[in-house]
Amino acid sequence: MTAAGKRLYLLLGVLVVVCAAAFAAVHLEQRQEQIANSGETVLEIDPDSVQSLDWTYQEQTLSFHRDEEWIYDTDEAFPVDEQAIAQLLEQFRAFSAAFVITEVEDYGQYGLDDPTCTINLTTTEQSYEILLGDYSAMDSQRYVSIGDGNVYLAVTDPLDAFDVELKDLICNDETPQPDQVTQLTFEGGEEDYTIFYQEDGPSYSSQDVYFTQRDGEIRPLDTDLVEGYLDSIRYLGLTDYVTYNITEEQLQQYGLDEPELTVTMDYTLQNEDGEEVSDTFILHLSRDPEEQAALEESEDETEEDGEEITAYVRVDQSPIVYQISGEDYTALMAATYDDLRHRQVLWADFQDVTQIDVSLEGENYTIAVQGEEEEHTYTYQERELEIEPFQTALEALEAERFTQEEPTQQEEISLIVYLDSEAFPQVEIQLYRYDGTYCLAVVDGQPVSLVPRTQVVELTEAVRGLVWE
């Protein structure tokens, strides 16, 4: 072949390559134009028209059908969360694609020959098979087939909704979020008693709104402690069910045939119409019976780790029993009067104090209070005092444990605190030696608690700092 012929063949070869490249470029440009024109809704299914739904993901198949309400095919006793199913179906009310790939020859390159998830829907008129393929890391979207021969890159990934377990679809009991708890009753625990809400009740603190009756007297409880207990109910996670169709035999298995504690909460809240309505919430609580029996036989008095506790709750007569954490169990069982009463020896607002008489080591001292509210000044023998160290020490007196023991040893210090209150004009506090660790606090003539001796020493030192120049 001559040099000219070779040159001609070479030019023809170059021409073929250029034409092929041009054809590919035109084809790519057309595809890019199709992508740019996508973003429309490609599937519309009215959730109310769906009669059956099943999906398979990670070797788990969940199947439901509708008979007025949704029913779990495997066990009709399973209480299906209607709202949870509705949220799944909502994915396809108006399913949109970022772009469409038509005339697909190899579904495998999109992960659709072996789908990540297969979803089947049947309406009153039609059935659908929706395949979820690979996730495009570059586009941060998932490839989807809806059975029309195309592949779509979904605007919203349906797997975000369908990546659930059966426990996520149960209609769990709900704990109430009341506007006001009017009454709280405990039965079966260490003591049976009732707490009630009352504004302007018999207490020298305006913050006290929860009370109970003890020995024929109405006594205030610590508002923060009661609210904290109510929060342990409000935010109790009822999600980890152990059975959703409880039997009498299982009630015994979980210790709920005779609950360790039953809490009844009467409350009010506003309904959707803005009307105040009243309701009642009942919670039964028990520890695992075998654990409880082992604990009663054990002589180990060390405090248990919450992780070692297995406990169960049931809402009223619900067919569902839930396991709760050891921490939640411990919080709910802390329901005695001593658990919820004031731990401070004096819990009055210090701004309400009008005078303090102190008796220490046979000497009597009077601290006078002058001025109005935030402008109070404190004096001893007309000398103005820096009251903060004394106030801090007095307010720090706190029960380590409650007791009704009568004092048998000498008095360390006593105080009469006068208050700006017609109902409770004064509180008398006496602190007696008990042992090397504690002092016994007597309030208004009644033994109340043992407080750390170190706290009493700090109080006596604060008094000396005030009255000694």
Protein backbone atom coordinates (compact mmCIF):
# COMPACT_ATOMS: atom_id res chain seq x y z
CA MET A 1 0.00 0.00 0.00
CA THR A 2 1.32 3.42 -0.95
CA ALA A 3 2.01 6.11 1.61
CA ALA A 4 -0.98 8.07 0.29
CA GLY A 5 -3.25 5.07 0.81
CA LYS A 6 -2.05 4.59 4.34
CA ARG A 7 -2.64 8.25 5.03
CA LEU A 8 -6.18 7.93 3.64
CA TYR A 9 -6.97 4.94 5.90
CA LEU A 10 -5.57 6.84 8.88
CA LEU A 11 -7.77 9.83 8.13
CA LEU A 12 -10.79 7.55 7.76
CA GLY A 13 -10.01 6.01 11.16
CA VAL A 14 -9.79 9.42 12.78
CA LEU A 15 -13.08 10.36 11.15
CA VAL A 16 -14.78 7.25 12.60
CA VAL A 17 -13.52 8.05 16.09
CA VAL A 18 -14.64 11.67 15.81
CA CYS A 19 -18.09 10.63 14.58
CA ALA A 20 -18.45 8.13 17.39
CA ALA A 21 -17.46 10.77 19.94
CA ALA A 22 -19.88 13.23 18.41
CA PHE A 23 -22.69 10.65 18.53
CA ALA A 24 -21.93 9.89 22.20
CA ALA A 25 -21.86 13.58 23.02
CA VAL A 26 -25.23 14.14 21.34
CA HIS A 27 -26.67 11.09 23.16
CA LEU A 28 -25.30 12.35 26.51
CA GLU A 29 -26.68 15.82 25.86
CA GLN A 30 -30.11 14.33 25.19
CA ARG A 31 -29.94 12.32 28.43
CA GLN A 32 -28.86 15.40 30.39
CA GLU A 33 -31.82 17.27 28.97
CA GLN A 34 -34.12 14.48 30.16
CA ILE A 35 -32.61 14.71 33.63
CA ALA A 36 -33.05 18.46 33.67
CA ASN A 37 -36.70 18.06 32.73
CA SER A 38 -37.44 15.54 35.52
CA GLY A 39 -38.49 16.24 39.13
CA GLU A 40 -42.15 15.56 38.52
CA THR A 41 -44.49 13.26 40.43
CA VAL A 42 -44.22 9.75 38.97
CA LEU A 43 -46.52 7.82 41.32
CA GLU A 44 -49.70 8.85 43.14
CA ILE A 45 -51.45 6.48 45.54
CA ASP A 46 -54.19 7.65 47.88
CA PRO A 47 -53.30 6.17 51.31
CA ASP A 48 -57.00 5.74 52.11
CA SER A 49 -57.40 3.46 49.07
CA VAL A 50 -54.70 1.00 50.12
CA GLN A 51 -56.12 -2.32 51.32
CA SER A 52 -52.91 -4.28 51.93
CA LEU A 53 -49.26 -3.50 52.52
CA ASP A 54 -46.20 -5.67 52.92
CA TRP A 55 -42.50 -5.14 52.58
CA THR A 56 -39.32 -7.18 52.83
CA TYR A 57 -36.12 -5.66 54.14
CA GLN A 58 -33.05 -7.37 55.62
CA GLU A 59 -34.73 -10.81 55.46
CA GLN A 60 -37.72 -9.52 57.45
CA THR A 61 -41.17 -9.42 55.91
CA LEU A 62 -44.00 -7.48 57.55
CA SER A 63 -47.49 -7.78 56.13
CA PHE A 64 -50.71 -5.92 56.98
CA HIS A 65 -54.23 -5.67 55.59
CA ARG A 66 -57.10 -3.33 56.23
CA ASP A 67 -60.46 -4.39 57.64
CA GLU A 68 -61.82 -1.04 58.79
CA GLU A 69 -58.62 -0.90 60.85
CA TRP A 70 -55.16 -2.19 59.99
CA ILE A 71 -54.44 -5.80 61.01
CA TYR A 72 -51.08 -7.54 61.27
CA ASP A 73 -51.36 -10.68 59.09
CA THR A 74 -49.22 -12.87 61.33
CA ASP A 75 -51.15 -12.11 64.53
CA GLU A 76 -54.48 -10.32 64.52
CA ALA A 77 -54.09 -9.63 68.27
CA PHE A 78 -51.21 -7.26 67.54
CA PRO A 79 -52.42 -3.68 68.21
CA VAL A 80 -51.39 -1.84 65.04
CA ASP A 81 -50.50 1.83 65.21
CA GLU A 82 -52.79 3.30 62.55
CA GLN A 83 -50.77 6.50 62.40
CA ALA A 84 -47.52 4.60 61.84
CA ILE A 85 -49.00 2.74 58.84
CA ALA A 86 -50.40 6.00 57.50
CA GLN A 87 -46.94 7.55 57.64
CA LEU A 88 -45.55 4.65 55.60
CA LEU A 89 -48.23 5.03 52.92
CA GLU A 90 -47.76 8.78 52.84
CA GLN A 91 -44.44 8.19 51.00
CA PHE A 92 -46.42 7.37 47.85
CA ARG A 93 -49.19 9.95 47.95
CA ALA A 94 -47.09 12.04 45.58
CA PHE A 95 -43.83 10.21 44.88
CA SER A 96 -41.37 12.39 42.99
CA ALA A 97 -38.21 11.54 41.02
CA ALA A 98 -35.11 13.67 40.60
CA PHE A 99 -34.58 12.06 37.20
CA VAL A 100 -35.74 9.10 35.12
CA ILE A 101 -33.77 6.49 33.22
CA THR A 102 -35.76 5.00 30.36
CA GLU A 103 -35.18 1.93 28.19
CA VAL A 104 -33.25 0.23 31.01
CA GLU A 105 -31.31 -2.83 29.90
CA ASP A 106 -29.35 -3.67 33.07
CA TYR A 107 -31.26 -3.22 36.30
CA GLY A 108 -28.34 -4.73 38.17
CA GLN A 109 -26.23 -1.59 37.84
CA TYR A 110 -28.86 0.18 39.95
CA GLY A 111 -29.15 -2.62 42.52
CA LEU A 112 -32.66 -3.50 41.33
CA ASP A 113 -32.02 -7.09 40.26
CA ASP A 114 -31.58 -7.90 43.98
CA PRO A 115 -33.49 -5.04 45.66
CA THR A 116 -32.59 -3.67 49.07
CA CYS A 117 -36.29 -3.51 49.90
CA THR A 118 -39.43 -4.72 48.13
CA ILE A 119 -42.74 -2.98 48.89
CA ASN A 120 -46.11 -4.32 47.74
CA LEU A 121 -49.26 -2.21 47.84
CA THR A 122 -52.78 -3.19 46.83
CA THR A 123 -55.54 -0.64 46.41
CA THR A 124 -59.18 -1.20 45.55
CA GLU A 125 -58.23 -0.96 41.86
CA GLN A 126 -54.58 -1.88 41.37
CA SER A 127 -51.50 -3.59 42.78
CA TYR A 128 -48.02 -2.08 42.90
CA GLU A 129 -44.55 -3.52 43.39
CA ILE A 130 -41.98 -0.92 44.38
CA LEU A 131 -38.32 -1.92 44.42
CA LEU A 132 -35.68 0.05 46.27
CA GLY A 133 -32.20 -0.38 44.82
CA ASP A 134 -28.78 1.05 45.53
CA TYR A 135 -28.17 4.38 47.16
CA SER A 136 -26.33 6.79 44.89
CA ALA A 137 -23.62 8.29 47.06
CA MET A 138 -22.85 10.85 44.36
CA ASP A 139 -26.44 12.11 44.18
CA SER A 140 -27.39 11.21 47.78
CA GLN A 141 -30.57 9.60 46.46
CA ARG A 142 -31.89 6.06 45.94
CA TYR A 143 -32.72 4.21 42.73
CA VAL A 144 -36.35 3.05 42.62
CA SER A 145 -38.46 0.96 40.28
CA ILE A 146 -42.26 1.28 40.33
CA GLY A 147 -42.91 -1.41 37.70
CA ASP A 148 -43.26 0.77 34.61
CA GLY A 149 -39.90 -0.22 33.07
CA ASN A 150 -38.11 2.94 34.17
CA VAL A 151 -35.61 3.57 36.94
CA TYR A 152 -36.03 6.67 39.06
CA LEU A 153 -33.73 8.51 41.38
CA ALA A 154 -36.09 9.29 44.26
CA VAL A 155 -36.33 12.78 45.71
CA THR A 156 -37.19 11.22 49.10
CA ASP A 157 -35.80 7.83 50.09
CA PRO A 158 -38.70 5.52 51.07
CA LEU A 159 -36.30 3.34 53.05
CA ASP A 160 -36.04 6.09 55.66
CA ALA A 161 -39.65 5.26 56.55
CA PHE A 162 -39.65 1.49 55.91
CA ASP A 163 -36.51 0.74 57.93
CA VAL A 164 -38.63 -0.25 60.95
CA GLU A 165 -39.27 -3.29 63.12
CA LEU A 166 -42.57 -4.69 64.28
CA LYS A 167 -42.16 -3.01 67.68
CA ASP A 168 -42.12 0.36 65.90
CA LEU A 169 -45.62 -0.30 64.56
CA ILE A 170 -47.38 -1.22 67.79
CA CYS A 171 -50.00 1.13 69.20
CA ASN A 172 -48.21 1.75 72.49
CA ASP A 173 -49.96 3.11 75.54
CA GLU A 174 -49.24 6.77 76.13
CA THR A 175 -48.39 8.54 79.34
CA PRO A 176 -50.41 11.74 79.84
CA GLN A 177 -49.04 15.27 79.66
CA PRO A 178 -51.48 16.95 82.07
CA ASP A 179 -51.89 20.65 82.67
CA GLN A 180 -52.55 19.95 86.35
CA VAL A 181 -52.36 16.85 88.51
CA THR A 182 -55.11 17.07 91.08
CA GLN A 183 -54.45 13.87 93.00
CA LEU A 184 -51.86 11.10 93.17
CA THR A 185 -52.60 7.83 94.97
CA PHE A 186 -50.11 5.08 95.85
CA GLU A 187 -51.16 1.52 96.66
CA GLY A 188 -49.16 -1.62 97.36
CA GLY A 189 -45.83 0.03 98.05
CA GLU A 190 -44.21 0.68 101.40
CA GLU A 191 -47.26 2.74 102.35
CA ASP A 192 -50.65 3.54 100.87
CA TYR A 193 -51.50 7.23 100.82
CA THR A 194 -52.75 10.09 98.66
CA ILE A 195 -51.23 13.38 97.56
CA PHE A 196 -53.55 16.23 96.59
CA TYR A 197 -53.09 19.62 94.95
CA GLN A 198 -54.15 22.70 96.91
CA GLU A 199 -53.19 26.33 96.45
CA ASP A 200 -52.75 28.42 99.60
CA GLY A 201 -52.60 25.24 101.65
CA PRO A 202 -51.39 24.92 105.26
CA SER A 203 -47.70 25.74 104.82
CA TYR A 204 -45.43 28.69 105.54
CA SER A 205 -44.12 28.54 101.94
CA SER A 206 -46.25 29.81 99.07
CA GLN A 207 -44.38 27.37 96.82
CA ASP A 208 -46.06 24.39 98.51
CA VAL A 209 -49.06 23.18 96.51
CA TYR A 210 -48.91 19.42 97.12
CA PHE A 211 -50.10 18.02 100.46
CA THR A 212 -50.92 14.77 102.15
CA GLN A 213 -52.63 13.79 105.39
CA ARG A 214 -50.56 12.20 108.15
CA ASP A 215 -51.80 11.37 111.62
CA GLY A 216 -54.88 13.52 111.10
CA GLU A 217 -52.86 16.55 109.95
CA ILE A 218 -52.39 18.02 106.49
CA ARG A 219 -48.68 18.26 105.73
CA PRO A 220 -46.88 19.91 102.84
CA LEU A 221 -44.64 18.10 100.38
CA ASP A 222 -41.67 19.40 98.43
CA THR A 223 -43.05 20.77 95.15
CA ASP A 224 -39.83 20.07 93.23
CA LEU A 225 -39.73 16.46 94.44
CA VAL A 226 -43.38 15.84 93.57
CA GLU A 227 -42.98 17.45 90.15
CA GLY A 228 -39.87 15.34 89.61
CA TYR A 229 -41.86 12.23 90.43
CA LEU A 230 -44.63 13.27 88.03
CA ASP A 231 -41.99 13.76 85.34
CA SER A 232 -40.88 10.16 85.86
CA ILE A 233 -44.40 9.20 84.79
CA ARG A 234 -44.79 11.81 82.05
CA TYR A 235 -41.58 10.80 80.32
CA LEU A 236 -41.67 7.07 80.98
CA GLY A 237 -40.71 5.35 77.75
CA LEU A 238 -43.45 2.81 76.96
CA THR A 239 -41.79 1.30 73.90
CA ASP A 240 -40.06 -1.93 74.92
CA TYR A 241 -43.01 -4.33 75.08
CA VAL A 242 -42.57 -7.92 76.25
CA THR A 243 -46.08 -9.00 75.30
CA TYR A 244 -49.01 -7.31 73.59
CA ASN A 245 -51.62 -9.91 74.53
CA ILE A 246 -51.17 -10.51 78.24
CA THR A 247 -52.60 -13.65 79.87
CA GLU A 248 -53.23 -14.40 83.54
CA GLU A 249 -50.22 -16.71 83.57
CA GLN A 250 -48.00 -14.00 82.12
CA LEU A 251 -49.26 -11.51 84.67
CA GLN A 252 -47.77 -13.77 87.34
CA GLN A 253 -44.60 -14.20 85.30
CA TYR A 254 -44.08 -10.45 85.28
CA GLY A 255 -45.24 -9.93 88.86
CA LEU A 256 -48.23 -7.89 87.75
CA ASP A 257 -50.95 -10.15 89.12
CA GLU A 258 -50.25 -8.39 92.43
CA PRO A 259 -48.31 -5.26 91.47
CA GLU A 260 -45.56 -4.06 93.72
CA LEU A 261 -46.90 -0.52 93.31
CA THR A 262 -49.97 0.96 91.66
CA VAL A 263 -49.99 4.69 90.94
CA THR A 264 -53.28 6.43 90.14
CA MET A 265 -53.01 9.95 88.77
CA ASP A 266 -56.07 12.20 88.46
CA TYR A 267 -55.44 15.18 86.22
CA THR A 268 -56.92 17.85 83.99
CA LEU A 269 -55.91 19.13 80.57
CA GLN A 270 -57.32 21.12 77.69
CA ASN A 271 -58.79 19.17 74.78
CA GLU A 272 -58.62 20.18 71.12
CA ASP A 273 -61.61 22.49 71.62
CA GLY A 274 -59.86 24.33 74.44
CA GLU A 275 -62.14 22.82 77.07
CA GLU A 276 -60.77 21.58 80.38
CA VAL A 277 -61.37 17.87 80.82
CA SER A 278 -60.53 15.48 83.65
CA ASP A 279 -59.05 12.03 83.27
CA THR A 280 -57.30 9.29 85.24
CA PHE A 281 -54.10 7.38 84.48
CA ILE A 282 -53.27 4.12 86.27
CA LEU A 283 -49.85 2.48 86.22
CA HIS A 284 -48.97 -0.93 87.67
CA LEU A 285 -45.32 -1.62 88.45
CA SER A 286 -43.39 -4.71 89.56
CA ARG A 287 -39.88 -6.02 89.61
CA ASP A 288 -39.12 -9.41 88.08
CA PRO A 289 -40.44 -11.90 90.69
CA GLU A 290 -37.32 -14.08 90.63
CA GLU A 291 -35.09 -11.04 91.15
CA GLN A 292 -37.34 -9.81 93.93
CA ALA A 293 -37.24 -13.18 95.69
CA ALA A 294 -33.45 -13.34 95.40
CA LEU A 295 -33.18 -9.82 96.80
CA GLU A 296 -35.34 -10.66 99.81
CA GLU A 297 -33.20 -13.72 100.56
CA SER A 298 -29.92 -11.88 100.13
CA GLU A 299 -28.17 -10.22 103.06
CA ASP A 300 -26.24 -7.89 100.77
CA GLU A 301 -27.27 -4.34 101.69
CA THR A 302 -25.16 -2.58 99.04
CA GLU A 303 -27.07 -0.31 96.69
CA GLU A 304 -28.02 -2.02 93.46
CA ASP A 305 -26.89 -0.89 90.05
CA GLY A 306 -29.90 0.11 87.94
CA GLU A 307 -28.64 -2.10 85.11
CA GLU A 308 -29.13 -5.15 87.35
CA ILE A 309 -32.85 -4.49 87.79
CA THR A 310 -35.50 -6.02 85.52
CA ALA A 311 -38.90 -4.39 85.92
CA TYR A 312 -42.24 -4.26 84.14
CA VAL A 313 -45.21 -1.90 83.92
CA ARG A 314 -48.76 -2.12 82.67
CA VAL A 315 -51.16 0.74 82.04
CA ASP A 316 -54.47 0.00 83.76
CA GLN A 317 -56.04 -3.01 81.96
CA SER A 318 -53.97 -2.69 78.78
CA PRO A 319 -53.03 -5.99 77.05
CA ILE A 320 -49.46 -4.68 76.67
CA VAL A 321 -46.71 -5.18 79.25
CA TYR A 322 -43.50 -3.16 78.94
CA GLN A 323 -40.06 -3.66 80.36
CA ILE A 324 -38.57 -0.49 81.80
CA SER A 325 -35.06 0.43 82.86
CA GLY A 326 -33.77 -0.08 86.38
CA GLU A 327 -33.39 3.69 86.68
CA ASP A 328 -37.06 4.24 85.82
CA TYR A 329 -38.10 1.52 88.27
CA THR A 330 -36.06 3.08 91.06
CA ALA A 331 -37.51 6.53 90.36
CA LEU A 332 -41.10 5.24 90.36
CA MET A 333 -40.64 3.22 93.53
CA ALA A 334 -39.37 6.29 95.40
CA ALA A 335 -42.95 7.21 96.29
CA THR A 336 -43.13 7.23 100.08
CA TYR A 337 -43.97 10.27 102.18
CA ASP A 338 -40.32 10.50 103.22
CA ASP A 339 -39.26 10.37 99.55
CA LEU A 340 -41.40 13.40 98.66
CA ARG A 341 -41.46 15.53 101.81
CA HIS A 342 -39.20 18.52 102.43
CA ARG A 343 -35.66 17.52 103.27
CA GLN A 344 -34.65 21.01 104.39
CA VAL A 345 -35.16 21.63 108.09
CA LEU A 346 -36.38 25.14 107.20
CA TRP A 347 -37.73 25.60 103.68
CA ALA A 348 -39.28 29.05 104.09
CA ASP A 349 -38.35 31.82 101.68
CA PHE A 350 -35.70 33.76 103.58
CA GLN A 351 -37.28 37.00 102.36
CA ASP A 352 -40.26 36.17 104.61
CA VAL A 353 -38.10 36.11 107.75
CA THR A 354 -38.79 39.05 110.07
CA GLN A 355 -36.64 38.09 113.08
CA ILE A 356 -34.42 35.27 114.33
CA ASP A 357 -33.84 34.38 117.97
CA VAL A 358 -30.80 32.17 118.57
CA SER A 359 -29.83 30.24 121.71
CA LEU A 360 -26.24 29.00 121.70
CA GLU A 361 -24.15 27.78 124.65
CA GLY A 362 -26.49 29.39 127.18
CA GLU A 363 -26.51 32.77 125.43
CA ASN A 364 -29.46 34.31 123.58
CA TYR A 365 -29.12 36.50 120.51
CA THR A 366 -31.73 38.31 118.43
CA ILE A 367 -31.16 39.14 114.79
CA ALA A 368 -33.49 41.91 113.71
CA VAL A 369 -34.74 42.36 110.16
CA GLN A 370 -35.57 45.77 108.74
CA GLY A 371 -36.60 47.14 105.37
CA GLU A 372 -38.83 45.79 102.63
CA GLU A 373 -38.39 42.56 100.66
CA GLU A 374 -35.21 42.79 98.51
CA GLU A 375 -33.91 45.68 100.63
CA HIS A 376 -33.81 43.84 103.93
CA THR A 377 -31.03 44.68 106.35
CA TYR A 378 -30.05 42.47 109.28
CA THR A 379 -28.75 43.81 112.58
CA TYR A 380 -27.57 42.57 115.95
CA GLN A 381 -27.51 45.17 118.72
CA GLU A 382 -27.91 47.87 116.07
CA ARG A 383 -24.83 46.61 114.21
CA GLU A 384 -25.55 45.74 110.57
CA LEU A 385 -24.68 42.18 109.66
CA GLU A 386 -23.49 40.35 106.58
CA ILE A 387 -26.20 37.70 106.72
CA GLU A 388 -25.23 35.52 103.75
CA PRO A 389 -22.98 32.99 105.59
CA PHE A 390 -25.67 32.45 108.25
CA GLN A 391 -28.46 32.19 105.66
CA THR A 392 -26.47 29.67 103.64
CA ALA A 393 -25.75 27.54 106.71
CA LEU A 394 -29.39 27.64 107.89
CA GLU A 395 -30.81 26.72 104.49
CA ALA A 396 -28.23 23.93 104.13
CA LEU A 397 -29.62 21.99 107.11
CA GLU A 398 -31.01 18.95 105.34
CA ALA A 399 -32.25 15.54 106.42
CA GLU A 400 -30.02 12.57 105.74
CA ARG A 401 -32.81 10.40 107.07
CA PHE A 402 -36.10 11.04 108.83
CA THR A 403 -36.80 9.84 112.36
CA GLN A 404 -39.28 10.15 115.21
CA GLU A 405 -36.69 9.44 117.89
CA GLU A 406 -36.83 11.73 120.90
CA PRO A 407 -33.65 13.63 121.81
CA THR A 408 -31.55 12.07 124.58
CA GLN A 409 -28.47 14.26 124.49
CA GLN A 410 -27.70 17.93 124.95
CA GLU A 411 -28.91 20.72 122.75
CA GLU A 412 -26.34 22.16 120.35
CA ILE A 413 -28.28 25.21 119.15
CA SER A 414 -31.87 26.36 118.87
CA LEU A 415 -33.59 29.02 116.79
CA ILE A 416 -36.97 30.69 116.56
CA VAL A 417 -37.51 31.99 113.03
CA TYR A 418 -40.30 34.57 112.79
CA LEU A 419 -42.11 34.77 109.46
CA ASP A 420 -44.32 37.27 107.67
CA SER A 421 -47.28 34.88 107.77
CA GLU A 422 -50.51 35.09 109.71
CA ALA A 423 -51.06 31.33 109.56
CA PHE A 424 -47.46 30.39 110.44
CA PRO A 425 -45.87 33.31 112.31
CA GLN A 426 -42.88 31.33 113.58
CA VAL A 427 -40.92 28.10 113.33
CA GLU A 428 -38.92 26.74 116.25
CA ILE A 429 -35.87 24.62 115.45
CA GLN A 430 -33.82 22.70 118.00
CA LEU A 431 -30.71 20.74 117.09
CA TYR A 432 -29.51 18.09 119.54
CA ARG A 433 -26.35 16.03 119.65
CA TYR A 434 -27.03 12.49 118.38
CA ASP A 435 -23.63 10.90 117.71
CA GLY A 436 -20.34 11.86 116.12
CA THR A 437 -21.91 11.97 112.67
CA TYR A 438 -25.40 13.34 113.12
CA CYS A 439 -27.52 15.80 115.03
CA LEU A 440 -31.23 15.36 115.69
CA ALA A 441 -33.50 18.12 114.34
CA VAL A 442 -36.68 18.87 116.28
CA VAL A 443 -39.13 21.28 114.62
CA ASP A 444 -41.98 22.84 116.58
CA GLY A 445 -41.49 20.25 119.28
CA GLN A 446 -41.58 17.22 116.93
CA PRO A 447 -38.50 15.11 116.08
CA VAL A 448 -38.04 15.29 112.31
CA SER A 449 -34.71 14.15 110.98
CA LEU A 450 -31.04 13.44 111.41
CA VAL A 451 -28.82 16.03 109.77
CA PRO A 452 -25.05 15.85 109.28
CA ARG A 453 -23.22 17.18 112.31
CA THR A 454 -20.92 19.13 109.99
CA GLN A 455 -23.89 21.24 108.88
CA VAL A 456 -24.75 22.09 112.47
CA VAL A 457 -21.14 23.04 113.20
CA GLU A 458 -21.18 25.39 110.19
CA LEU A 459 -24.40 26.97 111.50
CA THR A 460 -22.97 27.55 114.99
CA GLU A 461 -19.81 29.03 113.49
CA ALA A 462 -21.93 31.33 111.29
CA VAL A 463 -23.82 32.53 114.40
CA ARG A 464 -20.57 33.22 116.22
CA GLY A 465 -19.38 35.18 113.20
CA LEU A 466 -22.45 37.39 113.46
CA VAL A 467 -22.59 38.09 117.20
CA TRP A 468 -18.87 38.21 118.03
CA GLU A 469 -17.06 41.33 116.97
